[in-house]
């Protein structure tokens, strides 16, 4: 117990490192977590579907750099809906593997995730198949009875050119017991306001702000691949990084089709602890002594 307390204290004083996700909420780039670093973040989404109550979905993330080419992440999901229950909706374990060690014009990353969630999950971390506004209107008590144990894979392609980051994700998802193969996509484009950083630490320097836009949606199943009756969204994004490494992100999200939720608001905060592994090993080796 004493060791755990010292580790928690170390999290508050260790130096932070700037995270590499940029302003996106859905789209992944080729940036990986630095080996030994731990990023803690919360992604939130809120909306009010037609015929339903306002909801708030939250995903708490712990992202760890295992190797320079391997990043692993644990999600804990929950949601609350007005006039209904607040529930824990499950967990996800993802792993990303960078294929090429050096920067190229296109940088591929392979993504694999196991999801153990239920139908009441409203974190909306991806949109596949015919996911739509109707799924957000179902009463929580009924929706949570549906168990979703799924395997998800993504092909992530990302490019960096003169300060611009362009990323494309193709998503494939399959229930481990049954159901068809489900597909989706996400595309994002972002850039910091300026590329040259000032030598002094500051909170409001232009280089601390990144602007972007992402589009994402469902592509049906292997039996009816395409855009028919699928949901699609367009979302401008902004990311503000403080001098201590804390990041704040906001993204108003607009539904583009009749099956989409009309409007969603995403917001999140993250903080990255540099060389968490080294500090934790030292604390355990020293028996918890500061």
C-alpha atoms as a PDB file:
ATOM      1  CA  UNK A   1       0.000   0.000   0.000  1.00  0.00           C
ATOM      2  CA  UNK A   2       2.825   2.345   0.894  1.00  0.00           C
ATOM      3  CA  UNK A   3       4.472   1.728  -2.496  1.00  0.00           C
ATOM      4  CA  UNK A   4       1.272   2.620  -4.284  1.00  0.00           C
ATOM      5  CA  UNK A   5       1.013   5.908  -2.428  1.00  0.00           C
ATOM      6  CA  UNK A   6       4.536   6.870  -3.429  1.00  0.00           C
ATOM      7  CA  UNK A   7       3.788   6.042  -7.063  1.00  0.00           C
ATOM      8  CA  UNK A   8       0.674   8.203  -6.948  1.00  0.00           C
ATOM      9  CA  UNK A   9       2.720  11.047  -5.483  1.00  0.00           C
ATOM     10  CA  UNK A  10       5.367  10.641  -8.156  1.00  0.00           C
ATOM     11  CA  UNK A  11       2.701  11.088 -10.851  1.00  0.00           C
ATOM     12  CA  UNK A  12       2.194  14.629  -9.615  1.00  0.00           C
ATOM     13  CA  UNK A  13       5.835  15.671  -9.722  1.00  0.00           C
ATOM     14  CA  UNK A  14       7.274  13.781 -12.693  1.00  0.00           C
ATOM     15  CA  UNK A  15       7.950  15.850 -15.826  1.00  0.00           C
ATOM     16  CA  UNK A  16       5.313  15.667 -18.505  1.00  0.00           C
ATOM     17  CA  UNK A  17       5.734  15.065 -22.223  1.00  0.00           C
ATOM     18  CA  UNK A  18       3.556  16.394 -24.991  1.00  0.00           C
ATOM     19  CA  UNK A  19       1.176  13.757 -26.323  1.00  0.00           C
ATOM     20  CA  UNK A  20       1.174  12.913 -30.025  1.00  0.00           C
ATOM     21  CA  UNK A  21      -2.539  12.406 -30.752  1.00  0.00           C
ATOM     22  CA  UNK A  22      -3.140  15.948 -31.896  1.00  0.00           C
ATOM     23  CA  UNK A  23      -6.655  17.401 -31.738  1.00  0.00           C
ATOM     24  CA  UNK A  24      -8.550  14.286 -32.900  1.00  0.00           C
ATOM     25  CA  UNK A  25     -11.080  12.271 -30.893  1.00  0.00           C
ATOM     26  CA  UNK A  26     -11.783   9.445 -33.364  1.00  0.00           C
ATOM     27  CA  UNK A  27      -9.000   9.430 -35.947  1.00  0.00           C
ATOM     28  CA  UNK A  28      -5.653   7.817 -35.099  1.00  0.00           C
ATOM     29  CA  UNK A  29      -2.342   9.036 -36.518  1.00  0.00           C
ATOM     30  CA  UNK A  30       0.962   7.142 -36.724  1.00  0.00           C
ATOM     31  CA  UNK A  31       2.285   8.856 -33.583  1.00  0.00           C
ATOM     32  CA  UNK A  32       3.056   6.344 -30.838  1.00  0.00           C
ATOM     33  CA  UNK A  33       3.508   6.776 -27.089  1.00  0.00           C
ATOM     34  CA  UNK A  34       7.151   7.185 -26.074  1.00  0.00           C
ATOM     35  CA  UNK A  35       8.511   3.987 -24.446  1.00  0.00           C
ATOM     36  CA  UNK A  36       7.978   4.092 -20.690  1.00  0.00           C
ATOM     37  CA  UNK A  37       5.578   7.046 -20.813  1.00  0.00           C
ATOM     38  CA  UNK A  38       2.047   6.888 -19.415  1.00  0.00           C
ATOM     39  CA  UNK A  39      -0.754   9.106 -20.670  1.00  0.00           C
ATOM     40  CA  UNK A  40      -3.935   9.480 -18.636  1.00  0.00           C
ATOM     41  CA  UNK A  41      -6.945  11.035 -20.320  1.00  0.00           C
ATOM     42  CA  UNK A  42     -10.711  11.274 -20.362  1.00  0.00           C
ATOM     43  CA  UNK A  43     -12.784  11.571 -23.538  1.00  0.00           C
ATOM     44  CA  UNK A  44     -16.344  12.832 -23.108  1.00  0.00           C
ATOM     45  CA  UNK A  45     -19.284  13.155 -25.465  1.00  0.00           C
ATOM     46  CA  UNK A  46     -22.724  14.584 -24.834  1.00  0.00           C
ATOM     47  CA  UNK A  47     -25.826  14.928 -26.964  1.00  0.00           C
ATOM     48  CA  UNK A  48     -29.605  14.675 -27.053  1.00  0.00           C
ATOM     49  CA  UNK A  49     -30.934  12.283 -29.677  1.00  0.00           C
ATOM     50  CA  UNK A  50     -34.363  12.859 -31.171  1.00  0.00           C
ATOM     51  CA  UNK A  51     -36.902  10.989 -29.085  1.00  0.00           C
ATOM     52  CA  UNK A  52     -34.400  10.369 -26.289  1.00  0.00           C
ATOM     53  CA  UNK A  53     -32.867  12.047 -23.245  1.00  0.00           C
ATOM     54  CA  UNK A  54     -29.581  13.919 -23.001  1.00  0.00           C
ATOM     55  CA  UNK A  55     -26.649  11.641 -22.274  1.00  0.00           C
ATOM     56  CA  UNK A  56     -23.019  11.932 -21.258  1.00  0.00           C
ATOM     57  CA  UNK A  57     -20.593   9.205 -22.246  1.00  0.00           C
ATOM     58  CA  UNK A  58     -17.065   9.062 -20.823  1.00  0.00           C
ATOM     59  CA  UNK A  59     -14.033   6.896 -21.606  1.00  0.00           C
ATOM     60  CA  UNK A  60     -11.117   6.959 -19.166  1.00  0.00           C
ATOM     61  CA  UNK A  61      -7.864   6.002 -20.919  1.00  0.00           C
ATOM     62  CA  UNK A  62      -4.506   4.737 -19.722  1.00  0.00           C
ATOM     63  CA  UNK A  63      -2.052   4.695 -22.634  1.00  0.00           C
ATOM     64  CA  UNK A  64       1.414   3.206 -22.178  1.00  0.00           C
ATOM     65  CA  UNK A  65       4.438   3.107 -24.459  1.00  0.00           C
ATOM     66  CA  UNK A  66       5.650  -0.518 -24.323  1.00  0.00           C
ATOM     67  CA  UNK A  67       8.171  -0.157 -27.151  1.00  0.00           C
ATOM     68  CA  UNK A  68       8.905   2.484 -29.752  1.00  0.00           C
ATOM     69  CA  UNK A  69       6.787   0.423 -32.171  1.00  0.00           C
ATOM     70  CA  UNK A  70       4.129  -0.778 -29.696  1.00  0.00           C
ATOM     71  CA  UNK A  71       1.587   1.250 -27.715  1.00  0.00           C
ATOM     72  CA  UNK A  72      -0.996  -0.392 -25.450  1.00  0.00           C
ATOM     73  CA  UNK A  73      -4.101   1.253 -23.996  1.00  0.00           C
ATOM     74  CA  UNK A  74      -6.886   0.401 -21.558  1.00  0.00           C
ATOM     75  CA  UNK A  75     -10.311   2.100 -21.708  1.00  0.00           C
ATOM     76  CA  UNK A  76     -12.916   2.118 -18.950  1.00  0.00           C
ATOM     77  CA  UNK A  77     -16.309   3.258 -20.280  1.00  0.00           C
ATOM     78  CA  UNK A  78     -19.390   4.644 -18.579  1.00  0.00           C
ATOM     79  CA  UNK A  79     -22.399   6.811 -19.273  1.00  0.00           C
ATOM     80  CA  UNK A  80     -25.217   8.665 -17.614  1.00  0.00           C
ATOM     81  CA  UNK A  81     -28.562   9.530 -19.187  1.00  0.00           C
ATOM     82  CA  UNK A  82     -31.018  12.106 -17.860  1.00  0.00           C
ATOM     83  CA  UNK A  83     -33.875  10.536 -15.871  1.00  0.00           C
ATOM     84  CA  UNK A  84     -32.144   7.147 -16.090  1.00  0.00           C
ATOM     85  CA  UNK A  85     -29.182   5.348 -14.538  1.00  0.00           C
ATOM     86  CA  UNK A  86     -25.460   6.042 -14.418  1.00  0.00           C
ATOM     87  CA  UNK A  87     -23.751   2.796 -15.442  1.00  0.00           C
ATOM     88  CA  UNK A  88     -20.338   1.300 -16.103  1.00  0.00           C
ATOM     89  CA  UNK A  89     -20.566  -0.054 -19.650  1.00  0.00           C
ATOM     90  CA  UNK A  90     -17.357  -2.074 -19.963  1.00  0.00           C
ATOM     91  CA  UNK A  91     -13.728  -1.968 -20.963  1.00  0.00           C
ATOM     92  CA  UNK A  92     -11.550  -2.049 -24.071  1.00  0.00           C
ATOM     93  CA  UNK A  93      -7.951  -3.124 -24.520  1.00  0.00           C
ATOM     94  CA  UNK A  94      -6.196  -1.839 -27.612  1.00  0.00           C
ATOM     95  CA  UNK A  95      -2.730  -2.336 -29.069  1.00  0.00           C
ATOM     96  CA  UNK A  96      -1.127  -0.373 -31.893  1.00  0.00           C
ATOM     97  CA  UNK A  97       1.911  -1.580 -33.836  1.00  0.00           C
ATOM     98  CA  UNK A  98       3.956   0.671 -36.060  1.00  0.00           C
ATOM     99  CA  UNK A  99       5.084  -1.185 -39.198  1.00  0.00           C
ATOM    100  CA  UNK A 100       7.965   1.031 -40.356  1.00  0.00           C
ATOM    101  CA  UNK A 101      10.537   2.396 -37.863  1.00  0.00           C
ATOM    102  CA  UNK A 102      11.350   5.593 -39.790  1.00  0.00           C
ATOM    103  CA  UNK A 103       9.195   8.396 -41.139  1.00  0.00           C
ATOM    104  CA  UNK A 104       7.897   7.902 -44.682  1.00  0.00           C
ATOM    105  CA  UNK A 105       5.461   9.667 -46.963  1.00  0.00           C
ATOM    106  CA  UNK A 106       2.801   7.233 -45.690  1.00  0.00           C
ATOM    107  CA  UNK A 107       3.264   5.609 -42.279  1.00  0.00           C
ATOM    108  CA  UNK A 108       1.145   2.472 -41.658  1.00  0.00           C
ATOM    109  CA  UNK A 109       0.078   1.333 -38.176  1.00  0.00           C
ATOM    110  CA  UNK A 110      -1.851  -1.841 -37.312  1.00  0.00           C
ATOM    111  CA  UNK A 111      -4.473  -1.615 -34.561  1.00  0.00           C
ATOM    112  CA  UNK A 112      -6.153  -4.456 -32.665  1.00  0.00           C
ATOM    113  CA  UNK A 113      -8.708  -4.083 -29.875  1.00  0.00           C
ATOM    114  CA  UNK A 114     -10.818  -6.374 -27.701  1.00  0.00           C
ATOM    115  CA  UNK A 115     -14.075  -4.828 -26.466  1.00  0.00           C
ATOM    116  CA  UNK A 116     -16.141  -6.158 -23.586  1.00  0.00           C
ATOM    117  CA  UNK A 117     -18.954  -3.634 -23.399  1.00  0.00           C
ATOM    118  CA  UNK A 118     -22.743  -3.623 -23.379  1.00  0.00           C
ATOM    119  CA  UNK A 119     -25.364  -1.990 -25.547  1.00  0.00           C
ATOM    120  CA  UNK A 120     -25.720   1.003 -23.217  1.00  0.00           C
ATOM    121  CA  UNK A 121     -22.217   2.231 -24.098  1.00  0.00           C
ATOM    122  CA  UNK A 122     -22.384   5.787 -25.475  1.00  0.00           C
ATOM    123  CA  UNK A 123     -18.719   6.760 -25.700  1.00  0.00           C
ATOM    124  CA  UNK A 124     -18.974   6.654 -29.522  1.00  0.00           C
ATOM    125  CA  UNK A 125     -15.265   5.998 -30.000  1.00  0.00           C
ATOM    126  CA  UNK A 126     -16.027   4.765 -33.506  1.00  0.00           C
ATOM    127  CA  UNK A 127     -18.990   4.463 -35.858  1.00  0.00           C
ATOM    128  CA  UNK A 128     -19.423   1.228 -37.839  1.00  0.00           C
ATOM    129  CA  UNK A 129     -22.114  -0.624 -39.751  1.00  0.00           C
ATOM    130  CA  UNK A 130     -25.456   1.209 -39.351  1.00  0.00           C
ATOM    131  CA  UNK A 131     -24.793   2.728 -35.912  1.00  0.00           C
ATOM    132  CA  UNK A 132     -27.105   5.701 -35.627  1.00  0.00           C
ATOM    133  CA  UNK A 133     -29.212   8.033 -33.535  1.00  0.00           C
ATOM    134  CA  UNK A 134     -31.737   5.295 -32.716  1.00  0.00           C
ATOM    135  CA  UNK A 135     -29.048   3.401 -30.767  1.00  0.00           C
ATOM    136  CA  UNK A 136     -28.660   6.420 -28.469  1.00  0.00           C
ATOM    137  CA  UNK A 137     -32.382   6.603 -27.688  1.00  0.00           C
ATOM    138  CA  UNK A 138     -32.858   3.089 -26.322  1.00  0.00           C
ATOM    139  CA  UNK A 139     -33.506   3.037 -22.535  1.00  0.00           C
ATOM    140  CA  UNK A 140     -30.373   2.203 -20.557  1.00  0.00           C
ATOM    141  CA  UNK A 141     -32.038  -0.615 -18.609  1.00  0.00           C
ATOM    142  CA  UNK A 142     -32.844  -2.410 -21.857  1.00  0.00           C
ATOM    143  CA  UNK A 143     -29.678  -1.596 -23.760  1.00  0.00           C
ATOM    144  CA  UNK A 144     -27.304  -2.820 -21.045  1.00  0.00           C
ATOM    145  CA  UNK A 145     -28.719  -6.344 -21.427  1.00  0.00           C
ATOM    146  CA  UNK A 146     -26.996  -6.636 -24.812  1.00  0.00           C
ATOM    147  CA  UNK A 147     -23.443  -7.956 -24.417  1.00  0.00           C
ATOM    148  CA  UNK A 148     -20.852  -6.921 -26.989  1.00  0.00           C
ATOM    149  CA  UNK A 149     -17.632  -8.914 -26.958  1.00  0.00           C
ATOM    150  CA  UNK A 150     -15.972  -7.799 -30.148  1.00  0.00           C
ATOM    151  CA  UNK A 151     -12.646  -7.801 -31.934  1.00  0.00           C
ATOM    152  CA  UNK A 152     -11.804  -4.594 -33.763  1.00  0.00           C
ATOM    153  CA  UNK A 153      -8.995  -4.021 -36.259  1.00  0.00           C
ATOM    154  CA  UNK A 154      -7.884  -0.821 -37.965  1.00  0.00           C
ATOM    155  CA  UNK A 155      -5.485   0.019 -40.721  1.00  0.00           C
ATOM    156  CA  UNK A 156      -4.071   3.437 -39.871  1.00  0.00           C
ATOM    157  CA  UNK A 157      -2.334   5.413 -42.621  1.00  0.00           C
ATOM    158  CA  UNK A 158      -0.793   8.742 -41.683  1.00  0.00           C
ATOM    159  CA  UNK A 159       1.341  11.384 -43.386  1.00  0.00           C
ATOM    160  CA  UNK A 160       3.165  14.476 -42.153  1.00  0.00           C
ATOM    161  CA  UNK A 161       4.069  17.264 -44.585  1.00  0.00           C
ATOM    162  CA  UNK A 162       5.142  20.847 -43.834  1.00  0.00           C
ATOM    163  CA  UNK A 163       3.326  20.874 -40.496  1.00  0.00           C
ATOM    164  CA  UNK A 164       0.173  19.196 -41.788  1.00  0.00           C
ATOM    165  CA  UNK A 165      -0.913  15.793 -40.489  1.00  0.00           C
ATOM    166  CA  UNK A 166      -3.264  13.740 -42.645  1.00  0.00           C
ATOM    167  CA  UNK A 167      -4.581  10.415 -41.307  1.00  0.00           C
ATOM    168  CA  UNK A 168      -6.943   7.792 -42.735  1.00  0.00           C
ATOM    169  CA  UNK A 169      -8.377   4.890 -40.728  1.00  0.00           C
ATOM    170  CA  UNK A 170     -10.252   1.882 -42.091  1.00  0.00           C
ATOM    171  CA  UNK A 171     -12.159  -0.033 -39.384  1.00  0.00           C
ATOM    172  CA  UNK A 172     -13.332  -3.669 -39.299  1.00  0.00           C
ATOM    173  CA  UNK A 173     -15.250  -5.083 -36.321  1.00  0.00           C
ATOM    174  CA  UNK A 174     -16.620  -8.540 -35.518  1.00  0.00           C
ATOM    175  CA  UNK A 175     -18.589  -9.962 -32.606  1.00  0.00           C
ATOM    176  CA  UNK A 176     -16.692 -12.986 -31.278  1.00  0.00           C
ATOM    177  CA  UNK A 177     -19.860 -15.143 -31.291  1.00  0.00           C
ATOM    178  CA  UNK A 178     -21.905 -14.104 -34.284  1.00  0.00           C
ATOM    179  CA  UNK A 179     -23.018 -11.053 -36.229  1.00  0.00           C
ATOM    180  CA  UNK A 180     -21.534  -9.938 -39.562  1.00  0.00           C
ATOM    181  CA  UNK A 181     -18.267  -8.131 -40.168  1.00  0.00           C
ATOM    182  CA  UNK A 182     -18.921  -4.407 -39.666  1.00  0.00           C
ATOM    183  CA  UNK A 183     -16.968  -1.600 -41.288  1.00  0.00           C
ATOM    184  CA  UNK A 184     -16.321   2.107 -40.773  1.00  0.00           C
ATOM    185  CA  UNK A 185     -13.824   4.856 -41.493  1.00  0.00           C
ATOM    186  CA  UNK A 186     -12.271   8.009 -40.052  1.00  0.00           C
ATOM    187  CA  UNK A 187     -10.241  10.740 -41.772  1.00  0.00           C
ATOM    188  CA  UNK A 188      -8.504  13.678 -40.095  1.00  0.00           C
ATOM    189  CA  UNK A 189      -6.437  16.729 -41.083  1.00  0.00           C
ATOM    190  CA  UNK A 190      -4.674  18.982 -38.560  1.00  0.00           C
ATOM    191  CA  UNK A 191      -1.935  21.581 -38.122  1.00  0.00           C
ATOM    192  CA  UNK A 192      -0.535  23.703 -35.268  1.00  0.00           C
ATOM    193  CA  UNK A 193      -1.066  27.447 -35.602  1.00  0.00           C
ATOM    194  CA  UNK A 194       2.708  27.952 -35.972  1.00  0.00           C
ATOM    195  CA  UNK A 195       5.562  25.478 -36.347  1.00  0.00           C
ATOM    196  CA  UNK A 196       8.422  27.384 -34.693  1.00  0.00           C
ATOM    197  CA  UNK A 197       8.237  27.164 -30.895  1.00  0.00           C
ATOM    198  CA  UNK A 198       9.382  29.991 -28.637  1.00  0.00           C
ATOM    199  CA  UNK A 199      12.308  29.183 -26.304  1.00  0.00           C
ATOM    200  CA  UNK A 200      10.386  30.173 -23.159  1.00  0.00           C
ATOM    201  CA  UNK A 201       7.605  28.094 -21.593  1.00  0.00           C
ATOM    202  CA  UNK A 202       4.180  29.633 -22.006  1.00  0.00           C
ATOM    203  CA  UNK A 203       0.523  28.660 -22.025  1.00  0.00           C
ATOM    204  CA  UNK A 204      -0.845  30.920 -24.750  1.00  0.00           C
ATOM    205  CA  UNK A 205       1.880  30.745 -27.401  1.00  0.00           C
ATOM    206  CA  UNK A 206       0.462  30.047 -30.893  1.00  0.00           C
ATOM    207  CA  UNK A 207       2.390  26.755 -31.170  1.00  0.00           C
ATOM    208  CA  UNK A 208       0.384  25.447 -28.192  1.00  0.00           C
ATOM    209  CA  UNK A 209      -2.791  25.376 -30.300  1.00  0.00           C
ATOM    210  CA  UNK A 210      -3.637  22.776 -32.946  1.00  0.00           C
ATOM    211  CA  UNK A 211      -6.605  23.042 -35.267  1.00  0.00           C
ATOM    212  CA  UNK A 212      -8.104  20.233 -37.272  1.00  0.00           C
ATOM    213  CA  UNK A 213     -11.142  18.601 -38.750  1.00  0.00           C
ATOM    214  CA  UNK A 214     -12.175  14.955 -38.876  1.00  0.00           C
ATOM    215  CA  UNK A 215     -14.901  13.030 -40.687  1.00  0.00           C
ATOM    216  CA  UNK A 216     -16.062   9.543 -39.763  1.00  0.00           C
ATOM    217  CA  UNK A 217     -18.934   7.135 -40.241  1.00  0.00           C
ATOM    218  CA  UNK A 218     -20.190   3.621 -40.963  1.00  0.00           C
ATOM    219  CA  UNK A 219     -19.703   1.568 -44.108  1.00  0.00           C
ATOM    220  CA  UNK A 220     -22.226  -1.227 -43.549  1.00  0.00           C
ATOM    221  CA  UNK A 221     -21.305  -4.915 -43.393  1.00  0.00           C
ATOM    222  CA  UNK A 222     -19.602  -7.460 -45.647  1.00  0.00           C
ATOM    223  CA  UNK A 223     -23.047  -8.287 -47.050  1.00  0.00           C
ATOM    224  CA  UNK A 224     -24.018  -4.688 -47.889  1.00  0.00           C
ATOM    225  CA  UNK A 225     -20.829  -2.620 -47.927  1.00  0.00           C
ATOM    226  CA  UNK A 226     -21.515   1.030 -48.733  1.00  0.00           C
ATOM    227  CA  UNK A 227     -23.051   4.286 -47.538  1.00  0.00           C
ATOM    228  CA  UNK A 228     -26.751   3.360 -47.667  1.00  0.00           C
ATOM    229  CA  UNK A 229     -28.550   4.220 -44.396  1.00  0.00           C
ATOM    230  CA  UNK A 230     -25.293   4.812 -42.522  1.00  0.00           C
ATOM    231  CA  UNK A 231     -24.320   7.626 -40.178  1.00  0.00           C
ATOM    232  CA  UNK A 232     -21.606  10.169 -40.960  1.00  0.00           C
ATOM    233  CA  UNK A 233     -20.186  13.078 -38.988  1.00  0.00           C
ATOM    234  CA  UNK A 234     -18.043  16.161 -39.592  1.00  0.00           C
ATOM    235  CA  UNK A 235     -16.188  17.621 -36.618  1.00  0.00           C
ATOM    236  CA  UNK A 236     -13.861  20.634 -36.374  1.00  0.00           C
ATOM    237  CA  UNK A 237     -11.426  20.218 -33.482  1.00  0.00           C
ATOM    238  CA  UNK A 238      -9.098  22.345 -31.389  1.00  0.00           C
ATOM    239  CA  UNK A 239      -6.379  21.265 -28.963  1.00  0.00           C
ATOM    240  CA  UNK A 240      -4.687  23.521 -26.402  1.00  0.00           C
ATOM    241  CA  UNK A 241      -1.521  22.291 -24.676  1.00  0.00           C
ATOM    242  CA  UNK A 242      -0.387  23.983 -21.458  1.00  0.00           C
ATOM    243  CA  UNK A 243       3.278  24.451 -20.580  1.00  0.00           C
ATOM    244  CA  UNK A 244       3.087  21.544 -18.106  1.00  0.00           C
ATOM    245  CA  UNK A 245       1.882  19.179 -20.857  1.00  0.00           C
ATOM    246  CA  UNK A 246      -1.822  19.077 -19.983  1.00  0.00           C
ATOM    247  CA  UNK A 247      -3.985  19.028 -23.098  1.00  0.00           C
ATOM    248  CA  UNK A 248      -7.570  20.224 -23.530  1.00  0.00           C
ATOM    249  CA  UNK A 249      -9.572  19.288 -26.623  1.00  0.00           C
ATOM    250  CA  UNK A 250     -13.001  20.366 -27.839  1.00  0.00           C
ATOM    251  CA  UNK A 251     -14.907  19.233 -30.923  1.00  0.00           C
ATOM    252  CA  UNK A 252     -18.465  20.246 -31.935  1.00  0.00           C
ATOM    253  CA  UNK A 253     -19.726  17.398 -34.115  1.00  0.00           C
ATOM    254  CA  UNK A 254     -22.408  17.627 -36.799  1.00  0.00           C
ATOM    255  CA  UNK A 255     -24.422  14.725 -38.203  1.00  0.00           C
ATOM    256  CA  UNK A 256     -24.548  14.662 -42.008  1.00  0.00           C
ATOM    257  CA  UNK A 257     -27.248  12.068 -42.700  1.00  0.00           C
ATOM    258  CA  UNK A 258     -30.776  11.331 -41.545  1.00  0.00           C
ATOM    259  CA  UNK A 259     -29.636   8.408 -39.393  1.00  0.00           C
ATOM    260  CA  UNK A 260     -26.916  10.448 -37.615  1.00  0.00           C
ATOM    261  CA  UNK A 261     -27.308  12.254 -34.309  1.00  0.00           C
ATOM    262  CA  UNK A 262     -27.908  15.894 -35.169  1.00  0.00           C
ATOM    263  CA  UNK A 263     -25.255  17.370 -32.884  1.00  0.00           C
ATOM    264  CA  UNK A 264     -22.686  16.007 -30.430  1.00  0.00           C
ATOM    265  CA  UNK A 265     -20.185  17.867 -28.304  1.00  0.00           C
ATOM    266  CA  UNK A 266     -16.888  16.145 -27.539  1.00  0.00           C
ATOM    267  CA  UNK A 267     -14.404  17.400 -24.969  1.00  0.00           C
ATOM    268  CA  UNK A 268     -11.443  15.871 -23.221  1.00  0.00           C
ATOM    269  CA  UNK A 269      -8.353  16.384 -21.110  1.00  0.00           C
ATOM    270  CA  UNK A 270      -5.102  14.423 -20.988  1.00  0.00           C
ATOM    271  CA  UNK A 271      -1.791  14.468 -19.147  1.00  0.00           C
ATOM    272  CA  UNK A 272       1.329  12.503 -20.025  1.00  0.00           C
ATOM    273  CA  UNK A 273       3.881  11.351 -17.443  1.00  0.00           C
ATOM    274  CA  UNK A 274       7.355  11.075 -18.924  1.00  0.00           C
ATOM    275  CA  UNK A 275       9.339   7.938 -18.040  1.00  0.00           C
ATOM    276  CA  UNK A 276       6.726   6.564 -15.681  1.00  0.00           C
ATOM    277  CA  UNK A 277       8.217   3.072 -15.989  1.00  0.00           C
ATOM    278  CA  UNK A 278      11.664   4.206 -14.802  1.00  0.00           C
ATOM    279  CA  UNK A 279      10.231   6.083 -11.820  1.00  0.00           C
ATOM    280  CA  UNK A 280       7.968   3.172 -10.822  1.00  0.00           C
ATOM    281  CA  UNK A 281      10.866   0.701 -11.037  1.00  0.00           C
ATOM    282  CA  UNK A 282      13.021   2.959  -8.883  1.00  0.00           C
ATOM    283  CA  UNK A 283      10.318   3.335  -6.246  1.00  0.00           C
ATOM    284  CA  UNK A 284       9.787  -0.416  -6.006  1.00  0.00           C
ATOM    285  CA  UNK A 285      13.531  -1.065  -5.947  1.00  0.00           C
ATOM    286  CA  UNK A 286      13.981   1.421  -3.099  1.00  0.00           C
ATOM    287  CA  UNK A 287      11.146  -0.149  -1.114  1.00  0.00           C
ATOM    288  CA  UNK A 288       8.871   2.885  -1.421  1.00  0.00           C
ATOM    289  CA  UNK A 289      11.352   5.324   0.118  1.00  0.00           C
ATOM    290  CA  UNK A 290      11.215   8.791  -1.503  1.00  0.00           C
END
